[in-house]
């Protein structure tokens, strides 16, 4: 964790610098992904302002406080940052738990779907004879019909095979000739 301390209209003594580093060590104990910490101290007449900005992997947090005493301002600003860091860490833990819970709920063996694509340059064959040009294997991921249509549009394909999360059955969405979307559900 890189700590940068800047004083505006005031001097930052070694004692004050050590106090700030000691107070910020609490944040390091709660959250070890903090990359940079910027502390800006400013003094104007009877107002002492402390501003703390944290740059962690994936997010930025800031807290500032203004009182008559610089040490009190630092304490209050660091307390604000500490609350933000705790909330962010709880959010990450909760997201991890939800992903772990969803992974347990999904069936362990997702069906592997094999479908055949016939290209326009199949060649000339006698009636009733066809040649397979390309065979692809895909995992039918669990999702809703709306998500499958969105994936089909994002991939710029004419059909998409998926496992319906509601029925846990194999389904297909496909683009019709009239530009609408068709849905084939397995019963």
Protein backbone atom coordinates (compact mmCIF):
# COMPACT_ATOMS: atom_id res chain seq x y z
CA UNK A 1 0.00 0.00 0.00
CA UNK A 2 1.52 3.30 -1.13
CA UNK A 3 0.63 6.22 1.12
CA UNK A 4 0.99 9.75 -0.21
CA UNK A 5 0.48 12.62 2.28
CA UNK A 6 0.21 16.21 1.06
CA UNK A 7 -0.21 19.32 3.21
CA UNK A 8 -1.85 22.43 1.83
CA UNK A 9 -1.16 25.59 3.81
CA UNK A 10 0.23 23.46 6.63
CA UNK A 11 3.33 21.44 7.42
CA UNK A 12 3.12 17.69 7.78
CA UNK A 13 5.35 16.73 10.69
CA UNK A 14 6.90 13.30 11.12
CA UNK A 15 4.64 12.76 14.14
CA UNK A 16 1.52 13.54 12.08
CA UNK A 17 2.77 11.30 9.23
CA UNK A 18 3.32 8.40 11.67
CA UNK A 19 -0.15 8.93 13.15
CA UNK A 20 -1.78 8.81 9.69
CA UNK A 21 0.09 5.65 8.74
CA UNK A 22 -0.93 4.01 12.03
CA UNK A 23 -4.60 4.90 11.48
CA UNK A 24 -4.51 3.63 7.89
CA UNK A 25 -3.08 0.28 8.98
CA UNK A 26 -6.61 -0.57 10.21
CA UNK A 27 -7.84 -0.41 6.63
CA UNK A 28 -5.05 -2.74 5.51
CA UNK A 29 -6.20 -5.31 8.08
CA UNK A 30 -9.78 -5.18 6.78
CA UNK A 31 -8.97 -5.12 3.09
CA UNK A 32 -5.63 -6.13 1.59
CA UNK A 33 -6.38 -5.06 -1.99
CA UNK A 34 -5.67 -1.37 -1.38
CA UNK A 35 -3.12 -0.12 -3.90
CA UNK A 36 -2.73 3.62 -3.23
CA UNK A 37 -3.86 5.98 -0.49
CA UNK A 38 -3.77 9.75 -0.99
CA UNK A 39 -4.15 11.93 2.11
CA UNK A 40 -4.63 15.66 1.66
CA UNK A 41 -4.44 17.88 4.74
CA UNK A 42 -5.39 21.55 4.57
CA UNK A 43 -5.51 24.29 7.18
CA UNK A 44 -7.54 27.51 6.94
CA UNK A 45 -7.94 29.68 10.05
CA UNK A 46 -9.80 27.44 12.50
CA UNK A 47 -10.69 24.72 10.01
CA UNK A 48 -8.52 21.65 9.61
CA UNK A 49 -9.59 19.42 6.76
CA UNK A 50 -8.46 15.85 6.14
CA UNK A 51 -9.31 14.12 2.87
CA UNK A 52 -8.48 10.43 2.32
CA UNK A 53 -8.74 8.81 -1.13
CA UNK A 54 -8.23 5.07 -1.56
CA UNK A 55 -7.54 3.40 -4.88
CA UNK A 56 -8.22 -0.31 -4.54
CA UNK A 57 -8.35 -2.88 -7.29
CA UNK A 58 -11.64 -2.22 -8.99
CA UNK A 59 -12.88 0.75 -6.97
CA UNK A 60 -12.07 4.18 -5.56
CA UNK A 61 -13.28 5.45 -2.18
CA UNK A 62 -12.98 8.82 -0.53
CA UNK A 63 -13.80 10.40 2.79
CA UNK A 64 -13.23 13.88 4.13
CA UNK A 65 -13.86 15.66 7.38
CA UNK A 66 -13.37 19.17 8.69
CA UNK A 67 -13.00 20.08 12.40
CA UNK A 68 -10.97 22.43 14.61
CA UNK A 69 -8.36 19.73 15.37
CA UNK A 70 -6.33 18.01 12.62
CA UNK A 71 -6.08 14.71 14.52
CA UNK A 72 -9.86 14.60 14.97
CA UNK A 73 -10.35 15.32 11.26
CA UNK A 74 -7.99 12.49 10.37
CA UNK A 75 -9.76 10.08 12.73
CA UNK A 76 -13.21 10.91 11.35
CA UNK A 77 -12.08 10.72 7.70
CA UNK A 78 -10.36 7.37 8.25
CA UNK A 79 -13.48 6.07 10.04
CA UNK A 80 -15.58 7.00 7.00
CA UNK A 81 -13.16 5.19 4.70
CA UNK A 82 -13.12 2.19 7.02
CA UNK A 83 -16.93 1.91 6.83
CA UNK A 84 -16.79 2.13 3.04
CA UNK A 85 -14.09 -0.55 2.86
CA UNK A 86 -16.08 -2.87 5.12
CA UNK A 87 -19.22 -2.42 3.00
CA UNK A 88 -17.26 -3.06 -0.18
CA UNK A 89 -15.66 -6.18 1.31
CA UNK A 90 -19.06 -7.47 2.46
CA UNK A 91 -20.41 -6.92 -1.03
CA UNK A 92 -17.54 -8.92 -2.52
CA UNK A 93 -18.01 -11.74 -0.01
CA UNK A 94 -21.77 -11.81 -0.65
CA UNK A 95 -21.20 -11.90 -4.42
CA UNK A 96 -18.75 -14.78 -3.97
CA UNK A 97 -21.26 -16.68 -1.81
CA UNK A 98 -24.03 -16.15 -4.37
CA UNK A 99 -21.82 -17.41 -7.19
CA UNK A 100 -20.81 -20.42 -5.11
CA UNK A 101 -24.47 -21.11 -4.26
CA UNK A 102 -25.49 -20.86 -7.94
CA UNK A 103 -22.67 -23.19 -8.93
CA UNK A 104 -23.95 -25.78 -6.45
CA UNK A 105 -27.52 -25.45 -7.74
CA UNK A 106 -26.54 -25.97 -11.37
CA UNK A 107 -26.42 -29.56 -12.52
CA UNK A 108 -22.92 -31.00 -12.43
CA UNK A 109 -23.14 -32.58 -15.87
CA UNK A 110 -24.26 -29.98 -18.36
CA UNK A 111 -25.42 -31.61 -21.57
CA UNK A 112 -23.02 -31.36 -24.48
CA UNK A 113 -24.88 -30.47 -27.62
CA UNK A 114 -23.62 -31.54 -31.02
CA UNK A 115 -25.21 -30.03 -34.06
CA UNK A 116 -24.31 -30.10 -37.71
CA UNK A 117 -23.81 -27.06 -39.84
CA UNK A 118 -24.31 -27.44 -43.58
CA UNK A 119 -22.68 -24.71 -45.61
CA UNK A 120 -23.84 -23.32 -48.95
CA UNK A 121 -20.94 -24.98 -50.77
CA UNK A 122 -22.01 -28.53 -49.87
CA UNK A 123 -21.59 -29.62 -53.43
CA UNK A 124 -23.77 -31.51 -55.86
CA UNK A 125 -25.19 -34.71 -54.46
CA UNK A 126 -27.80 -37.08 -55.61
CA UNK A 127 -31.26 -36.79 -54.15
CA UNK A 128 -31.38 -37.84 -50.48
CA UNK A 129 -27.61 -37.67 -50.05
CA UNK A 130 -25.93 -35.05 -47.86
CA UNK A 131 -22.43 -34.53 -46.59
CA UNK A 132 -21.58 -33.11 -43.16
CA UNK A 133 -19.17 -30.23 -43.61
CA UNK A 134 -18.62 -29.15 -40.01
CA UNK A 135 -19.51 -30.55 -36.60
CA UNK A 136 -19.23 -28.39 -33.48
CA UNK A 137 -19.65 -29.30 -29.82
CA UNK A 138 -21.08 -26.72 -27.43
CA UNK A 139 -22.07 -26.77 -23.79
CA UNK A 140 -25.69 -25.77 -23.31
CA UNK A 141 -25.38 -23.18 -20.55
CA UNK A 142 -28.33 -22.59 -18.22
CA UNK A 143 -30.11 -19.30 -18.94
CA UNK A 144 -33.51 -17.78 -19.55
CA UNK A 145 -35.04 -17.40 -23.01
CA UNK A 146 -34.40 -13.65 -22.99
CA UNK A 147 -30.73 -14.19 -22.17
CA UNK A 148 -30.46 -16.79 -24.96
CA UNK A 149 -31.95 -14.36 -27.51
CA UNK A 150 -29.50 -11.71 -26.34
CA UNK A 151 -26.58 -14.15 -26.70
CA UNK A 152 -27.78 -15.10 -30.18
CA UNK A 153 -27.84 -11.42 -31.15
CA UNK A 154 -24.42 -10.75 -29.60
CA UNK A 155 -22.87 -13.74 -31.38
CA UNK A 156 -24.57 -12.83 -34.70
CA UNK A 157 -25.79 -16.40 -35.17
CA UNK A 158 -29.03 -17.75 -36.56
CA UNK A 159 -29.71 -20.09 -33.63
CA UNK A 160 -28.61 -20.66 -30.04
CA UNK A 161 -28.84 -23.85 -27.95
CA UNK A 162 -29.22 -23.49 -24.17
CA UNK A 163 -30.61 -25.15 -21.05
CA UNK A 164 -33.71 -23.37 -19.79
CA UNK A 165 -33.23 -22.40 -16.13
CA UNK A 166 -36.93 -22.75 -15.39
CA UNK A 167 -37.48 -26.23 -16.83
CA UNK A 168 -33.86 -27.53 -16.87
CA UNK A 169 -34.57 -28.83 -20.39
CA UNK A 170 -32.71 -28.29 -23.64
CA UNK A 171 -34.12 -25.38 -25.69
CA UNK A 172 -33.26 -23.64 -28.97
CA UNK A 173 -33.95 -20.11 -30.11
CA UNK A 174 -33.56 -19.33 -33.80
CA UNK A 175 -33.98 -16.45 -36.22
CA UNK A 176 -36.93 -16.89 -38.56
CA UNK A 177 -37.08 -15.73 -42.17
CA UNK A 178 -39.44 -12.89 -41.18
CA UNK A 179 -36.76 -11.53 -38.72
CA UNK A 180 -38.69 -12.71 -35.67
CA UNK A 181 -37.28 -15.17 -33.16
CA UNK A 182 -38.54 -18.75 -32.84
CA UNK A 183 -38.26 -20.85 -29.70
CA UNK A 184 -38.11 -24.66 -29.57
CA UNK A 185 -38.66 -26.12 -26.10
CA UNK A 186 -38.00 -29.75 -25.24
CA UNK A 187 -40.83 -31.38 -23.30
